[in-house]
């Protein structure tokens, strides 16, 4: 059996995903990071961006994450996000409309959130 790490992806309002994985890639304030079983302990600040989880059964879970923290120790990875949604939950047309609205309102934060959602869907 391949080495695994336990992953918990939690948003402020709910548990988004939990399970075993072989690799998690996330964007932090220090840049993109890949975490595999046995990684050195870490604590970081999450940037808005897609998080990719390679599950132990060979699948892939992608989520749009907006801010929060990442923590890893003892083969347990916690992603504590302000906002997080699985790519399969994202309504692409709604996200595209939100992106256009944000661009016309020159709302950089809303534009970034909508862009991350669309990138998460594309990566899925």
N, C-alpha and C. Protein backbone atom coordinates (compact mmCIF):
# COMPACT_ATOMS: atom_id res chain seq x y z
N UNK A 1 0.84 -1.19 0.00
CA UNK A 1 0.00 0.00 0.00
C UNK A 1 0.88 1.25 0.00
N UNK A 2 0.51 2.22 -0.79
CA UNK A 2 1.28 3.47 -0.88
C UNK A 2 1.13 4.28 0.39
N UNK A 3 2.13 5.09 0.66
CA UNK A 3 2.06 5.97 1.83
C UNK A 3 0.93 6.97 1.64
N UNK A 4 0.26 7.28 2.74
CA UNK A 4 -0.88 8.19 2.68
C UNK A 4 -0.77 9.25 3.77
N UNK A 5 -1.52 10.32 3.54
CA UNK A 5 -1.68 11.33 4.58
C UNK A 5 -3.18 11.59 4.71
N UNK A 6 -3.58 11.94 5.91
CA UNK A 6 -4.99 12.23 6.14
C UNK A 6 -5.21 13.73 5.90
N UNK A 7 -6.23 14.06 5.10
CA UNK A 7 -6.50 15.45 4.72
C UNK A 7 -7.87 15.87 5.23
N UNK A 8 -7.92 17.05 5.81
CA UNK A 8 -9.17 17.69 6.20
C UNK A 8 -9.20 19.06 5.55
N UNK A 9 -10.18 19.29 4.67
CA UNK A 9 -10.40 20.60 4.06
C UNK A 9 -11.67 21.16 4.68
N UNK A 10 -11.52 22.22 5.45
CA UNK A 10 -12.62 22.78 6.21
C UNK A 10 -12.77 24.26 5.87
N UNK A 11 -14.01 24.67 5.60
CA UNK A 11 -14.31 26.09 5.40
C UNK A 11 -14.91 26.62 6.69
N UNK A 12 -15.07 27.92 6.76
CA UNK A 12 -15.63 28.54 7.97
C UNK A 12 -17.01 27.98 8.30
N UNK A 13 -17.76 27.57 7.26
CA UNK A 13 -19.14 27.15 7.49
C UNK A 13 -19.39 25.65 7.40
N UNK A 14 -18.36 24.85 7.00
CA UNK A 14 -18.61 23.41 6.84
C UNK A 14 -17.33 22.64 6.59
N UNK A 15 -17.43 21.33 6.77
CA UNK A 15 -16.35 20.44 6.36
C UNK A 15 -16.55 20.18 4.86
N UNK A 16 -15.54 20.47 4.04
CA UNK A 16 -15.66 20.39 2.60
C UNK A 16 -15.25 19.01 2.08
N UNK A 17 -14.11 18.49 2.57
CA UNK A 17 -13.64 17.18 2.13
C UNK A 17 -12.72 16.61 3.18
N UNK A 18 -12.79 15.30 3.36
CA UNK A 18 -11.94 14.60 4.31
C UNK A 18 -11.62 13.24 3.74
N UNK A 19 -10.37 12.83 3.84
CA UNK A 19 -10.01 11.50 3.35
C UNK A 19 -8.51 11.31 3.28
N UNK A 20 -8.12 10.20 2.66
CA UNK A 20 -6.72 9.86 2.53
C UNK A 20 -6.20 10.29 1.16
N UNK A 21 -4.96 10.77 1.14
CA UNK A 21 -4.38 11.27 -0.10
C UNK A 21 -2.90 10.91 -0.17
N UNK A 22 -2.36 10.99 -1.40
CA UNK A 22 -0.94 10.77 -1.60
C UNK A 22 -0.20 12.08 -1.89
N UNK A 23 -0.96 13.12 -2.28
CA UNK A 23 -0.36 14.42 -2.60
C UNK A 23 -1.42 15.51 -2.52
N UNK A 24 -1.04 16.65 -1.95
CA UNK A 24 -1.91 17.83 -1.94
C UNK A 24 -1.07 19.01 -2.41
N UNK A 25 -1.61 19.76 -3.38
CA UNK A 25 -0.92 20.95 -3.88
C UNK A 25 -1.81 22.16 -3.57
N UNK A 26 -1.19 23.17 -2.93
CA UNK A 26 -1.93 24.37 -2.54
C UNK A 26 -1.05 25.60 -2.75
N UNK A 27 -1.68 26.76 -2.84
CA UNK A 27 -0.96 28.02 -2.99
C UNK A 27 -0.87 28.71 -1.63
N UNK A 28 0.35 29.04 -1.23
CA UNK A 28 0.57 29.76 0.02
C UNK A 28 1.18 31.12 -0.29
N UNK A 29 1.32 31.95 0.74
CA UNK A 29 1.95 33.25 0.55
C UNK A 29 3.41 33.11 0.13
N UNK A 30 4.00 31.93 0.36
CA UNK A 30 5.39 31.67 -0.04
C UNK A 30 5.48 31.02 -1.41
N UNK A 31 4.33 30.74 -2.04
CA UNK A 31 4.32 30.07 -3.34
C UNK A 31 3.56 28.77 -3.26
N UNK A 32 3.52 28.05 -4.38
CA UNK A 32 2.83 26.76 -4.41
C UNK A 32 3.62 25.75 -3.61
N UNK A 33 2.89 24.85 -2.93
CA UNK A 33 3.54 23.82 -2.13
C UNK A 33 2.85 22.50 -2.40
N UNK A 34 3.65 21.46 -2.48
CA UNK A 34 3.14 20.10 -2.59
C UNK A 34 3.47 19.36 -1.31
N UNK A 35 2.48 18.71 -0.74
CA UNK A 35 2.68 17.98 0.52
C UNK A 35 2.39 16.50 0.26
N UNK A 36 3.38 15.67 0.61
CA UNK A 36 3.24 14.23 0.48
C UNK A 36 3.45 13.60 1.86
N UNK A 37 3.10 12.33 2.01
CA UNK A 37 3.34 11.68 3.30
C UNK A 37 4.80 11.83 3.72
N UNK A 38 5.02 12.09 5.00
CA UNK A 38 6.37 12.25 5.52
C UNK A 38 6.94 13.65 5.37
N UNK A 39 6.17 14.58 4.83
CA UNK A 39 6.64 15.97 4.66
C UNK A 39 7.00 16.54 6.03
N UNK A 40 7.95 17.46 6.05
CA UNK A 40 8.30 18.11 7.31
C UNK A 40 7.10 18.91 7.81
N UNK A 41 6.96 19.05 9.13
CA UNK A 41 5.84 19.84 9.66
C UNK A 41 5.86 21.24 9.07
N UNK A 42 4.66 21.79 8.86
CA UNK A 42 4.59 23.14 8.31
C UNK A 42 3.33 23.83 8.79
N UNK A 43 3.40 25.14 8.78
CA UNK A 43 2.25 26.00 9.03
C UNK A 43 2.39 27.16 8.07
N UNK A 44 1.35 27.40 7.27
CA UNK A 44 1.42 28.46 6.27
C UNK A 44 0.09 29.15 6.09
N UNK A 45 0.15 30.27 5.39
CA UNK A 45 -1.04 31.05 5.08
C UNK A 45 -1.44 30.73 3.64
N UNK A 46 -2.70 30.34 3.45
CA UNK A 46 -3.20 30.02 2.11
C UNK A 46 -3.54 31.29 1.35
N UNK A 47 -3.17 31.30 0.08
CA UNK A 47 -3.60 32.33 -0.86
C UNK A 47 -4.83 31.80 -1.58
N UNK A 48 -5.58 32.66 -2.22
CA UNK A 48 -6.69 32.21 -3.05
C UNK A 48 -6.12 31.43 -4.23
N UNK A 49 -6.67 30.26 -4.47
CA UNK A 49 -6.23 29.43 -5.57
C UNK A 49 -6.83 28.06 -5.49
N UNK A 50 -6.67 27.30 -6.56
CA UNK A 50 -7.15 25.92 -6.53
C UNK A 50 -6.27 25.06 -5.62
N UNK A 51 -6.88 24.13 -4.91
CA UNK A 51 -6.18 23.12 -4.15
C UNK A 51 -6.46 21.79 -4.84
N UNK A 52 -5.41 21.05 -5.13
CA UNK A 52 -5.56 19.75 -5.79
C UNK A 52 -5.16 18.65 -4.82
N UNK A 53 -6.06 17.69 -4.66
CA UNK A 53 -5.82 16.56 -3.76
C UNK A 53 -5.82 15.29 -4.61
N UNK A 54 -4.70 14.56 -4.59
CA UNK A 54 -4.62 13.26 -5.26
C UNK A 54 -5.00 12.21 -4.21
N UNK A 55 -6.16 11.62 -4.39
CA UNK A 55 -6.67 10.68 -3.39
C UNK A 55 -5.95 9.34 -3.48
N UNK A 56 -6.00 8.59 -2.39
CA UNK A 56 -5.32 7.30 -2.31
C UNK A 56 -5.85 6.29 -3.31
N UNK A 57 -7.09 6.46 -3.75
CA UNK A 57 -7.67 5.52 -4.71
C UNK A 57 -7.38 5.94 -6.16
N UNK A 58 -6.50 6.93 -6.35
CA UNK A 58 -6.12 7.34 -7.69
C UNK A 58 -6.95 8.47 -8.27
N UNK A 59 -7.93 8.95 -7.54
CA UNK A 59 -8.77 10.05 -8.01
C UNK A 59 -8.15 11.41 -7.71
N UNK A 60 -8.84 12.43 -8.16
CA UNK A 60 -8.40 13.80 -7.93
C UNK A 60 -9.59 14.62 -7.45
N UNK A 61 -9.36 15.39 -6.40
CA UNK A 61 -10.35 16.33 -5.88
C UNK A 61 -9.75 17.71 -6.03
N UNK A 62 -10.50 18.63 -6.62
CA UNK A 62 -10.04 20.01 -6.77
C UNK A 62 -11.04 20.92 -6.07
N UNK A 63 -10.52 21.90 -5.33
CA UNK A 63 -11.37 22.86 -4.64
C UNK A 63 -10.85 24.26 -4.88
N UNK A 64 -11.77 25.21 -4.93
CA UNK A 64 -11.41 26.63 -4.96
C UNK A 64 -11.33 27.08 -3.51
N UNK A 65 -10.19 27.59 -3.11
CA UNK A 65 -9.96 28.00 -1.72
C UNK A 65 -9.61 29.48 -1.71
N UNK A 66 -10.22 30.19 -0.78
CA UNK A 66 -10.00 31.63 -0.66
C UNK A 66 -9.53 31.94 0.76
N UNK A 67 -8.23 32.05 0.93
CA UNK A 67 -7.65 32.42 2.21
C UNK A 67 -7.73 31.33 3.25
N UNK A 68 -6.94 31.48 4.31
CA UNK A 68 -6.95 30.53 5.41
C UNK A 68 -5.55 30.08 5.75
N UNK A 69 -5.49 28.87 6.32
CA UNK A 69 -4.21 28.34 6.80
C UNK A 69 -4.04 26.89 6.38
N UNK A 70 -2.78 26.47 6.25
CA UNK A 70 -2.44 25.08 5.98
C UNK A 70 -1.50 24.62 7.09
N UNK A 71 -1.76 23.42 7.59
CA UNK A 71 -0.96 22.88 8.68
C UNK A 71 -0.71 21.40 8.41
N UNK A 72 0.54 20.95 8.63
CA UNK A 72 0.86 19.54 8.44
C UNK A 72 1.77 19.07 9.56
N UNK A 73 1.39 17.95 10.17
CA UNK A 73 2.22 17.28 11.17
C UNK A 73 1.69 15.85 11.31
N UNK A 74 2.58 14.91 11.57
CA UNK A 74 2.21 13.52 11.82
C UNK A 74 1.31 12.94 10.72
N UNK A 75 1.62 13.25 9.48
CA UNK A 75 0.85 12.77 8.32
C UNK A 75 -0.61 13.19 8.34
N UNK A 76 -0.89 14.33 8.99
CA UNK A 76 -2.23 14.91 8.99
C UNK A 76 -2.12 16.32 8.43
N UNK A 77 -2.85 16.57 7.33
CA UNK A 77 -2.85 17.88 6.69
C UNK A 77 -4.20 18.54 6.91
N UNK A 78 -4.17 19.74 7.45
CA UNK A 78 -5.39 20.52 7.66
C UNK A 78 -5.34 21.76 6.78
N UNK A 79 -6.40 21.96 6.01
CA UNK A 79 -6.57 23.17 5.22
C UNK A 79 -7.78 23.87 5.81
N UNK A 80 -7.55 24.97 6.51
CA UNK A 80 -8.61 25.72 7.17
C UNK A 80 -8.84 26.98 6.37
N UNK A 81 -9.90 26.98 5.56
CA UNK A 81 -10.13 28.06 4.61
C UNK A 81 -11.25 28.98 5.05
N UNK A 82 -11.13 30.25 4.67
CA UNK A 82 -12.22 31.18 4.90
C UNK A 82 -13.42 30.75 4.05
N UNK A 83 -13.16 30.46 2.78
CA UNK A 83 -14.18 29.97 1.85
C UNK A 83 -13.55 28.85 1.04
N UNK A 84 -14.29 27.76 0.85
CA UNK A 84 -13.80 26.66 0.01
C UNK A 84 -15.00 25.96 -0.61
N UNK A 85 -14.85 25.61 -1.89
CA UNK A 85 -15.90 24.84 -2.55
C UNK A 85 -15.26 23.88 -3.53
N UNK A 86 -15.80 22.67 -3.58
CA UNK A 86 -15.31 21.67 -4.50
C UNK A 86 -15.63 22.09 -5.93
N UNK A 87 -14.73 21.78 -6.85
CA UNK A 87 -14.93 22.14 -8.26
C UNK A 87 -16.25 21.57 -8.79
N UNK A 88 -16.61 20.37 -8.34
CA UNK A 88 -17.86 19.75 -8.83
C UNK A 88 -19.10 20.49 -8.34
N UNK A 89 -18.96 21.34 -7.32
CA UNK A 89 -20.09 22.11 -6.79
C UNK A 89 -20.25 23.47 -7.47
N UNK A 90 -19.26 23.87 -8.24
CA UNK A 90 -19.25 25.22 -8.81
C UNK A 90 -20.12 25.28 -10.06
N UNK A 91 -21.01 26.25 -10.08
CA UNK A 91 -21.84 26.53 -11.25
C UNK A 91 -21.01 27.43 -12.18
N UNK A 92 -20.52 26.86 -13.27
CA UNK A 92 -19.59 27.56 -14.16
C UNK A 92 -20.22 28.84 -14.73
N UNK A 93 -21.45 28.76 -15.19
CA UNK A 93 -22.09 29.95 -15.78
C UNK A 93 -22.23 31.05 -14.72
N UNK A 94 -22.59 30.67 -13.52
CA UNK A 94 -22.71 31.68 -12.45
C UNK A 94 -21.35 32.30 -12.15
N UNK A 95 -20.30 31.48 -12.11
CA UNK A 95 -18.95 31.98 -11.85
C UNK A 95 -18.50 32.91 -12.97
N UNK A 96 -18.82 32.56 -14.23
CA UNK A 96 -18.46 33.44 -15.35
C UNK A 96 -19.18 34.77 -15.26
N UNK A 97 -20.46 34.74 -14.90
CA UNK A 97 -21.21 36.00 -14.73
C UNK A 97 -20.61 36.84 -13.60
N UNK A 98 -20.24 36.18 -12.50
CA UNK A 98 -19.63 36.89 -11.37
C UNK A 98 -18.31 37.53 -11.79
N UNK A 99 -17.54 36.83 -12.61
CA UNK A 99 -16.27 37.38 -13.09
C UNK A 99 -16.51 38.61 -13.94
N UNK A 100 -17.46 38.55 -14.85
CA UNK A 100 -17.77 39.71 -15.70
C UNK A 100 -18.27 40.89 -14.87
N UNK A 101 -19.13 40.60 -13.90
CA UNK A 101 -19.65 41.65 -13.02
C UNK A 101 -18.51 42.31 -12.24
N UNK A 102 -17.62 41.49 -11.71
CA UNK A 102 -16.49 42.02 -10.93
C UNK A 102 -15.59 42.88 -11.79
N UNK A 103 -15.37 42.46 -13.04
CA UNK A 103 -14.53 43.25 -13.94
C UNK A 103 -15.18 44.60 -14.23
N UNK A 104 -16.49 44.60 -14.47
CA UNK A 104 -17.17 45.86 -14.79
C UNK A 104 -17.27 46.77 -13.57
N UNK A 105 -17.30 46.17 -12.37
CA UNK A 105 -17.35 46.96 -11.13
C UNK A 105 -15.95 47.31 -10.64
N UNK A 106 -14.94 46.84 -11.35
CA UNK A 106 -13.54 46.95 -10.93
C UNK A 106 -13.37 46.55 -9.46
N UNK A 107 -13.93 45.39 -9.13
CA UNK A 107 -13.83 44.81 -7.79
C UNK A 107 -12.77 43.71 -7.86
N UNK A 108 -11.53 44.05 -7.51
CA UNK A 108 -10.42 43.11 -7.67
C UNK A 108 -10.60 41.85 -6.83
N UNK A 109 -11.10 41.98 -5.61
CA UNK A 109 -11.28 40.81 -4.75
C UNK A 109 -12.32 39.86 -5.32
N UNK A 110 -13.44 40.40 -5.78
CA UNK A 110 -14.50 39.56 -6.38
C UNK A 110 -14.00 38.93 -7.67
N UNK A 111 -13.23 39.68 -8.44
CA UNK A 111 -12.68 39.16 -9.68
C UNK A 111 -11.74 37.98 -9.39
N UNK A 112 -10.90 38.13 -8.37
CA UNK A 112 -9.98 37.06 -7.98
C UNK A 112 -10.74 35.82 -7.53
N UNK A 113 -11.80 35.99 -6.72
CA UNK A 113 -12.59 34.85 -6.25
C UNK A 113 -13.22 34.11 -7.43
N UNK A 114 -13.81 34.85 -8.36
CA UNK A 114 -14.46 34.23 -9.52
C UNK A 114 -13.43 33.52 -10.40
N UNK A 115 -12.26 34.13 -10.58
CA UNK A 115 -11.20 33.53 -11.39
C UNK A 115 -10.73 32.22 -10.76
N UNK A 116 -10.56 32.19 -9.44
CA UNK A 116 -10.12 30.98 -8.75
C UNK A 116 -11.15 29.87 -8.92
N UNK A 117 -12.42 30.22 -8.82
CA UNK A 117 -13.48 29.22 -8.99
C UNK A 117 -13.41 28.60 -10.38
N UNK A 118 -13.22 29.44 -11.40
CA UNK A 118 -13.14 28.93 -12.78
C UNK A 118 -11.88 28.11 -13.01
N UNK A 119 -10.76 28.50 -12.39
CA UNK A 119 -9.53 27.71 -12.52
C UNK A 119 -9.67 26.36 -11.84
N UNK A 120 -10.39 26.31 -10.71
CA UNK A 120 -10.61 25.04 -10.02
C UNK A 120 -11.43 24.09 -10.90
N UNK A 121 -12.45 24.63 -11.56
CA UNK A 121 -13.27 23.80 -12.45
C UNK A 121 -12.42 23.30 -13.61
N UNK A 122 -11.59 24.18 -14.17
CA UNK A 122 -10.76 23.78 -15.31
C UNK A 122 -9.75 22.70 -14.92
N UNK A 123 -9.25 22.76 -13.68
CA UNK A 123 -8.27 21.78 -13.21
C UNK A 123 -8.93 20.45 -12.88
N UNK A 124 -10.22 20.47 -12.66
CA UNK A 124 -10.96 19.25 -12.30
C UNK A 124 -11.13 18.44 -13.52
